[in-house]
C-alpha atoms as a PDB file:
ATOM      1  CA  MET A   1      60.805 -55.814  78.818  1.00  0.00           C
ATOM      2  CA  ALA A   2      63.006 -52.164  78.579  1.00  0.00           C
ATOM      3  CA  SER A   3      65.748 -53.967  76.574  1.00  0.00           C
ATOM      4  CA  ALA A   4      63.366 -55.581  74.075  1.00  0.00           C
ATOM      5  CA  LEU A   5      61.944 -52.394  73.306  1.00  0.00           C
ATOM      6  CA  THR A   6      65.310 -50.914  73.363  1.00  0.00           C
ATOM      7  CA  ARG A   7      66.432 -53.325  70.888  1.00  0.00           C
ATOM      8  CA  ALA A   8      63.304 -52.918  68.541  1.00  0.00           C
ATOM      9  CA  LYS A   9      64.305 -49.169  68.463  1.00  0.00           C
ATOM     10  CA  ARG A  10      68.087 -49.592  67.396  1.00  0.00           C
ATOM     11  CA  PRO A  11      67.514 -50.605  63.637  1.00  0.00           C
ATOM     12  CA  ALA A  12      65.198 -47.114  63.137  1.00  0.00           C
ATOM     13  CA  ALA A  13      67.885 -45.309  64.702  1.00  0.00           C
ATOM     14  CA  ALA A  14      70.662 -46.848  62.716  1.00  0.00           C
ATOM     15  CA  ALA A  15      68.246 -46.225  59.728  1.00  0.00           C
ATOM     16  CA  ALA A  16      67.696 -42.434  60.523  1.00  0.00           C
ATOM     17  CA  LEU A  17      71.612 -42.242  61.468  1.00  0.00           C
ATOM     18  CA  ALA A  18      72.472 -43.670  58.164  1.00  0.00           C
ATOM     19  CA  ALA A  19      69.951 -41.194  56.092  1.00  0.00           C
ATOM     20  CA  MET A  20      71.419 -38.126  58.103  1.00  0.00           C
ATOM     21  CA  ALA A  21      74.705 -39.350  56.634  1.00  0.00           C
ATOM     22  CA  VAL A  22      73.720 -39.435  53.566  1.00  0.00           C
ATOM     23  CA  ARG A  23      72.075 -35.967  53.339  1.00  0.00           C
ATOM     24  CA  ARG A  24      75.083 -34.371  54.939  1.00  0.00           C
ATOM     25  CA  ALA A  25      77.707 -35.983  52.554  1.00  0.00           C
ATOM     26  CA  PHE A  26      75.860 -34.912  49.500  1.00  0.00           C
ATOM     27  CA  ALA A  27      74.931 -31.482  51.004  1.00  0.00           C
ATOM     28  CA  SER A  28      77.165 -29.392  48.488  1.00  0.00           C
ATOM     29  CA  VAL A  29      74.699 -31.107  45.063  1.00  0.00           C
ATOM     30  CA  ALA A  30      71.273 -30.561  46.786  1.00  0.00           C
ATOM     31  CA  VAL A  31      68.511 -29.750  45.091  1.00  0.00           C
ATOM     32  CA  GLY A  32      68.210 -25.908  44.870  1.00  0.00           C
ATOM     33  CA  SER A  33      72.086 -25.437  44.868  1.00  0.00           C
ATOM     34  CA  ASP A  34      74.410 -23.519  42.139  1.00  0.00           C
ATOM     35  CA  ILE A  35      76.843 -26.574  40.842  1.00  0.00           C
ATOM     36  CA  VAL A  36      79.348 -23.750  39.268  1.00  0.00           C
ATOM     37  CA  SER A  37      79.636 -22.396  43.181  1.00  0.00           C
ATOM     38  CA  ALA A  38      79.740 -25.697  44.609  1.00  0.00           C
ATOM     39  CA  ALA A  39      82.980 -26.351  42.487  1.00  0.00           C
ATOM     40  CA  PRO A  40      84.882 -23.001  42.469  1.00  0.00           C
ATOM     41  CA  GLY A  41      87.524 -22.941  39.779  1.00  0.00           C
ATOM     42  CA  VAL A  42      86.785 -26.426  38.597  1.00  0.00           C
ATOM     43  CA  SER A  43      87.321 -27.272  34.941  1.00  0.00           C
ATOM     44  CA  LEU A  44      86.498 -30.381  33.130  1.00  0.00           C
ATOM     45  CA  GLN A  45      88.015 -31.917  29.974  1.00  0.00           C
ATOM     46  CA  LYS A  46      85.910 -32.464  26.924  1.00  0.00           C
ATOM     47  CA  ALA A  47      86.202 -36.096  25.219  1.00  0.00           C
ATOM     48  CA  ARG A  48      89.118 -36.123  22.462  1.00  0.00           C
ATOM     49  CA  SER A  49      91.464 -37.886  20.646  1.00  0.00           C
ATOM     50  CA  TRP A  50      94.948 -36.958  21.511  1.00  0.00           C
ATOM     51  CA  ASP A  51      95.987 -34.954  18.651  1.00  0.00           C
ATOM     52  CA  GLU A  52      92.702 -33.052  19.420  1.00  0.00           C
ATOM     53  CA  GLY A  53      94.230 -32.207  22.803  1.00  0.00           C
ATOM     54  CA  VAL A  54      97.670 -31.304  21.600  1.00  0.00           C
ATOM     55  CA  SER A  55      95.756 -29.276  19.017  1.00  0.00           C
ATOM     56  CA  SER A  56      93.804 -27.436  21.440  1.00  0.00           C
ATOM     57  CA  LYS A  57      96.664 -27.065  23.888  1.00  0.00           C
ATOM     58  CA  PHE A  58      94.814 -29.271  26.378  1.00  0.00           C
ATOM     59  CA  SER A  59      92.061 -26.839  27.145  1.00  0.00           C
ATOM     60  CA  THR A  60      89.753 -27.637  29.429  1.00  0.00           C
ATOM     61  CA  THR A  61      85.965 -25.963  30.031  1.00  0.00           C
ATOM     62  CA  PRO A  62      84.729 -23.785  32.959  1.00  0.00           C
ATOM     63  CA  LEU A  63      81.640 -25.148  34.515  1.00  0.00           C
ATOM     64  CA  THR A  64      80.375 -21.871  33.537  1.00  0.00           C
ATOM     65  CA  GLU A  65      80.582 -22.628  29.961  1.00  0.00           C
ATOM     66  CA  ILE A  66      78.410 -25.900  30.281  1.00  0.00           C
ATOM     67  CA  PHE A  67      75.944 -24.671  32.483  1.00  0.00           C
ATOM     68  CA  GLN A  68      75.256 -20.948  32.367  1.00  0.00           C
ATOM     69  CA  GLY A  69      71.988 -20.133  30.252  1.00  0.00           C
ATOM     70  CA  LYS A  70      71.612 -23.481  29.479  1.00  0.00           C
ATOM     71  CA  LYS A  71      69.194 -27.007  30.708  1.00  0.00           C
ATOM     72  CA  VAL A  72      71.499 -29.577  31.323  1.00  0.00           C
ATOM     73  CA  VAL A  73      70.803 -33.283  32.138  1.00  0.00           C
ATOM     74  CA  ILE A  74      74.409 -34.444  33.496  1.00  0.00           C
ATOM     75  CA  PHE A  75      75.138 -37.953  35.132  1.00  0.00           C
ATOM     76  CA  GLY A  76      78.144 -39.594  36.834  1.00  0.00           C
ATOM     77  CA  LEU A  77      79.304 -42.718  36.717  1.00  0.00           C
ATOM     78  CA  PRO A  78      82.362 -44.743  38.100  1.00  0.00           C
ATOM     79  CA  GLY A  79      84.156 -45.418  34.761  1.00  0.00           C
ATOM     80  CA  ALA A  80      84.606 -45.883  31.364  1.00  0.00           C
ATOM     81  CA  TYR A  81      84.651 -49.363  30.002  1.00  0.00           C
ATOM     82  CA  THR A  82      83.425 -50.882  33.217  1.00  0.00           C
ATOM     83  CA  GLY A  83      79.562 -53.060  33.082  1.00  0.00           C
ATOM     84  CA  VAL A  84      76.854 -51.202  34.369  1.00  0.00           C
ATOM     85  CA  CYS A  85      78.003 -47.699  32.961  1.00  0.00           C
ATOM     86  CA  SER A  86      78.660 -49.726  29.470  1.00  0.00           C
ATOM     87  CA  LEU A  87      75.668 -51.697  29.448  1.00  0.00           C
ATOM     88  CA  GLN A  88      72.937 -49.843  31.066  1.00  0.00           C
ATOM     89  CA  HIS A  89      73.762 -46.050  32.334  1.00  0.00           C
ATOM     90  CA  VAL A  90      74.973 -44.284  28.638  1.00  0.00           C
ATOM     91  CA  PRO A  91      72.592 -46.333  26.622  1.00  0.00           C
ATOM     92  CA  SER A  92      69.722 -45.680  28.789  1.00  0.00           C
ATOM     93  CA  TYR A  93      70.498 -41.849  27.902  1.00  0.00           C
ATOM     94  CA  LYS A  94      71.513 -42.430  24.110  1.00  0.00           C
ATOM     95  CA  ASN A  95      68.540 -44.261  23.572  1.00  0.00           C
ATOM     96  CA  ASN A  96      66.196 -41.254  24.801  1.00  0.00           C
ATOM     97  CA  ILE A  97      68.121 -38.098  23.614  1.00  0.00           C
ATOM     98  CA  GLU A  98      65.310 -37.358  21.044  1.00  0.00           C
ATOM     99  CA  LYS A  99      62.906 -37.459  24.668  1.00  0.00           C
ATOM    100  CA  PHE A 100      65.007 -34.780  26.015  1.00  0.00           C
ATOM    101  CA  LYS A 101      65.058 -32.582  23.230  1.00  0.00           C
ATOM    102  CA  ALA A 102      61.287 -32.706  23.076  1.00  0.00           C
ATOM    103  CA  LYS A 103      61.575 -31.453  26.628  1.00  0.00           C
ATOM    104  CA  GLY A 104      63.826 -28.545  26.018  1.00  0.00           C
ATOM    105  CA  VAL A 105      66.944 -29.958  27.257  1.00  0.00           C
ATOM    106  CA  ASP A 106      70.272 -28.335  25.637  1.00  0.00           C
ATOM    107  CA  SER A 107      72.678 -30.934  26.792  1.00  0.00           C
ATOM    108  CA  VAL A 108      72.956 -34.582  28.288  1.00  0.00           C
ATOM    109  CA  ILE A 109      76.171 -34.854  29.354  1.00  0.00           C
ATOM    110  CA  CYS A 110      78.270 -38.109  30.617  1.00  0.00           C
ATOM    111  CA  VAL A 111      81.307 -37.319  33.352  1.00  0.00           C
ATOM    112  CA  ALA A 112      83.359 -39.445  34.872  1.00  0.00           C
ATOM    113  CA  VAL A 113      86.992 -39.621  36.747  1.00  0.00           C
ATOM    114  CA  ASN A 114      88.845 -40.267  33.445  1.00  0.00           C
ATOM    115  CA  ASP A 115      90.949 -38.842  31.146  1.00  0.00           C
ATOM    116  CA  PRO A 116      89.600 -37.301  28.106  1.00  0.00           C
ATOM    117  CA  TYR A 117      91.206 -39.521  25.776  1.00  0.00           C
ATOM    118  CA  VAL A 118      89.648 -42.758  27.617  1.00  0.00           C
ATOM    119  CA  LEU A 119      86.140 -41.224  27.557  1.00  0.00           C
ATOM    120  CA  ASN A 120      86.315 -40.303  23.527  1.00  0.00           C
ATOM    121  CA  GLY A 121      87.814 -43.751  22.842  1.00  0.00           C
ATOM    122  CA  TRP A 122      84.385 -45.359  24.951  1.00  0.00           C
ATOM    123  CA  ALA A 123      82.042 -42.801  23.287  1.00  0.00           C
ATOM    124  CA  GLU A 124      82.785 -43.968  19.960  1.00  0.00           C
ATOM    125  CA  LYS A 125      82.661 -47.547  21.166  1.00  0.00           C
ATOM    126  CA  LEU A 126      79.311 -47.155  22.751  1.00  0.00           C
ATOM    127  CA  GLN A 127      78.384 -45.044  19.556  1.00  0.00           C
ATOM    128  CA  ALA A 128      76.916 -42.472  21.449  1.00  0.00           C
ATOM    129  CA  LYS A 129      79.058 -39.315  20.971  1.00  0.00           C
ATOM    130  CA  GLU A 130      76.669 -37.411  18.604  1.00  0.00           C
ATOM    131  CA  ALA A 131      73.861 -38.257  21.495  1.00  0.00           C
ATOM    132  CA  ILE A 132      75.710 -36.783  24.678  1.00  0.00           C
ATOM    133  CA  GLU A 133      78.865 -34.656  25.271  1.00  0.00           C
ATOM    134  CA  PHE A 134      81.497 -36.623  27.372  1.00  0.00           C
ATOM    135  CA  TYR A 135      83.648 -35.006  30.070  1.00  0.00           C
ATOM    136  CA  GLY A 136      86.595 -36.326  31.551  1.00  0.00           C
ATOM    137  CA  ASP A 137      87.283 -35.250  35.577  1.00  0.00           C
ATOM    138  CA  PHE A 138      90.668 -36.251  34.908  1.00  0.00           C
ATOM    139  CA  ASP A 139      91.664 -35.634  38.890  1.00  0.00           C
ATOM    140  CA  GLY A 140      88.369 -35.995  40.616  1.00  0.00           C
ATOM    141  CA  SER A 141      88.317 -32.783  41.784  1.00  0.00           C
ATOM    142  CA  PHE A 142      84.705 -31.794  40.103  1.00  0.00           C
ATOM    143  CA  HIS A 143      83.410 -34.782  42.034  1.00  0.00           C
ATOM    144  CA  LYS A 144      85.518 -34.331  44.838  1.00  0.00           C
ATOM    145  CA  SER A 145      84.187 -30.432  45.230  1.00  0.00           C
ATOM    146  CA  LEU A 146      80.211 -31.656  44.570  1.00  0.00           C
ATOM    147  CA  GLU A 147      81.167 -34.468  47.656  1.00  0.00           C
ATOM    148  CA  LEU A 148      80.293 -37.067  45.509  1.00  0.00           C
ATOM    149  CA  ASP A 149      83.679 -38.835  45.100  1.00  0.00           C
ATOM    150  CA  LEU A 150      84.052 -42.531  46.405  1.00  0.00           C
ATOM    151  CA  ASP A 151      87.173 -45.035  46.773  1.00  0.00           C
ATOM    152  CA  LEU A 152      86.933 -47.805  44.722  1.00  0.00           C
ATOM    153  CA  SER A 153      90.215 -49.496  45.451  1.00  0.00           C
ATOM    154  CA  ALA A 154      88.428 -52.680  46.466  1.00  0.00           C
ATOM    155  CA  ALA A 155      87.342 -52.776  42.392  1.00  0.00           C
ATOM    156  CA  LEU A 156      90.854 -51.858  41.449  1.00  0.00           C
ATOM    157  CA  LEU A 157      89.743 -48.528  40.570  1.00  0.00           C
ATOM    158  CA  GLY A 158      91.172 -45.985  42.991  1.00  0.00           C
ATOM    159  CA  ARG A 159      89.402 -42.690  43.689  1.00  0.00           C
ATOM    160  CA  ARG A 160      85.935 -42.299  41.311  1.00  0.00           C
ATOM    161  CA  SER A 161      82.430 -41.554  41.313  1.00  0.00           C
ATOM    162  CA  HIS A 162      78.902 -42.416  42.551  1.00  0.00           C
ATOM    163  CA  ARG A 163      76.857 -43.367  40.001  1.00  0.00           C
ATOM    164  CA  TRP A 164      74.489 -40.227  40.171  1.00  0.00           C
ATOM    165  CA  SER A 165      72.082 -37.822  37.915  1.00  0.00           C
ATOM    166  CA  ALA A 166      70.918 -34.234  37.831  1.00  0.00           C
ATOM    167  CA  TYR A 167      68.687 -32.005  36.098  1.00  0.00           C
ATOM    168  CA  VAL A 168      70.464 -28.510  36.357  1.00  0.00           C
ATOM    169  CA  VAL A 169      68.829 -25.415  34.524  1.00  0.00           C
ATOM    170  CA  ASP A 170      71.150 -22.249  34.569  1.00  0.00           C
ATOM    171  CA  GLY A 171      73.565 -23.314  36.989  1.00  0.00           C
ATOM    172  CA  GLU A 172      70.651 -24.393  39.575  1.00  0.00           C
ATOM    173  CA  VAL A 173      69.834 -27.893  40.313  1.00  0.00           C
ATOM    174  CA  LYS A 174      66.396 -28.710  40.231  1.00  0.00           C
ATOM    175  CA  VAL A 175      66.710 -32.629  40.434  1.00  0.00           C
ATOM    176  CA  PHE A 176      69.153 -34.966  41.756  1.00  0.00           C
ATOM    177  CA  ASN A 177      69.697 -38.364  41.917  1.00  0.00           C
ATOM    178  CA  ILE A 178      72.179 -41.058  43.358  1.00  0.00           C
ATOM    179  CA  GLU A 179      72.523 -45.003  43.897  1.00  0.00           C
ATOM    180  CA  LYS A 180      72.905 -46.084  47.495  1.00  0.00           C
ATOM    181  CA  VAL A 181      75.951 -47.996  46.079  1.00  0.00           C
ATOM    182  CA  PRO A 182      77.918 -47.737  42.306  1.00  0.00           C
ATOM    183  CA  SER A 183      76.859 -51.109  41.221  1.00  0.00           C
ATOM    184  CA  GLU A 184      73.339 -50.225  41.098  1.00  0.00           C
ATOM    185  CA  PHE A 185      71.240 -48.794  38.570  1.00  0.00           C
ATOM    186  CA  LYS A 186      67.733 -47.943  40.070  1.00  0.00           C
ATOM    187  CA  VAL A 187      67.431 -43.881  40.500  1.00  0.00           C
ATOM    188  CA  SER A 188      70.195 -42.929  37.751  1.00  0.00           C
ATOM    189  CA  GLY A 189      69.103 -43.376  34.274  1.00  0.00           C
ATOM    190  CA  ALA A 190      67.370 -41.462  31.726  1.00  0.00           C
ATOM    191  CA  GLU A 191      63.558 -42.919  32.120  1.00  0.00           C
ATOM    192  CA  VAL A 192      63.604 -41.723  36.123  1.00  0.00           C
ATOM    193  CA  ILE A 193      65.070 -38.179  35.291  1.00  0.00           C
ATOM    194  CA  LEU A 194      62.534 -37.856  32.270  1.00  0.00           C
ATOM    195  CA  GLY A 195      59.843 -38.387  34.381  1.00  0.00           C
ATOM    196  CA  GLN A 196      61.048 -35.698  36.742  1.00  0.00           C
ATOM    197  CA  ILE A 197      61.753 -33.241  34.328  1.00  0.00           C
END
């Protein structure tokens, strides 16, 4: 009898441990945290052509410039040209951009562990560059600082990002959503975060 009770408690205990592990893993980007402080000294690279990169002397954009004094919706995804990212994630934001503007959002940003030139080509292919700002996290330092990095070597992608979204006001994270696995698209889309703002 005691062993049956112990066996019954195991799944609940395992679920509780998994939940604690998730909370610990993403503590640096929790609701109420400062996204700039969580990634000190990190800059991102705005999507651009190679010639634009050369003419800007390969400039980067500090996080303070992206978030300070602004209302920003930011979403991260595993990579440009990948399935869910191309067919669902980016289009969900592109197709709802006017709704974000109506809520007073200053910018909607897509960030991925890609170089800014790949992101530029992808944004143009998706015809999303006018609606969404795309930023490259070329070395993954932004996602690593936020503890949102993920090893997707099994899919031949190497170190990438979880699929996530956040609403950030003047650097403070007001809403944060993360998918259980990067192939899912349940909580990080535009429709969900629109209902949370």
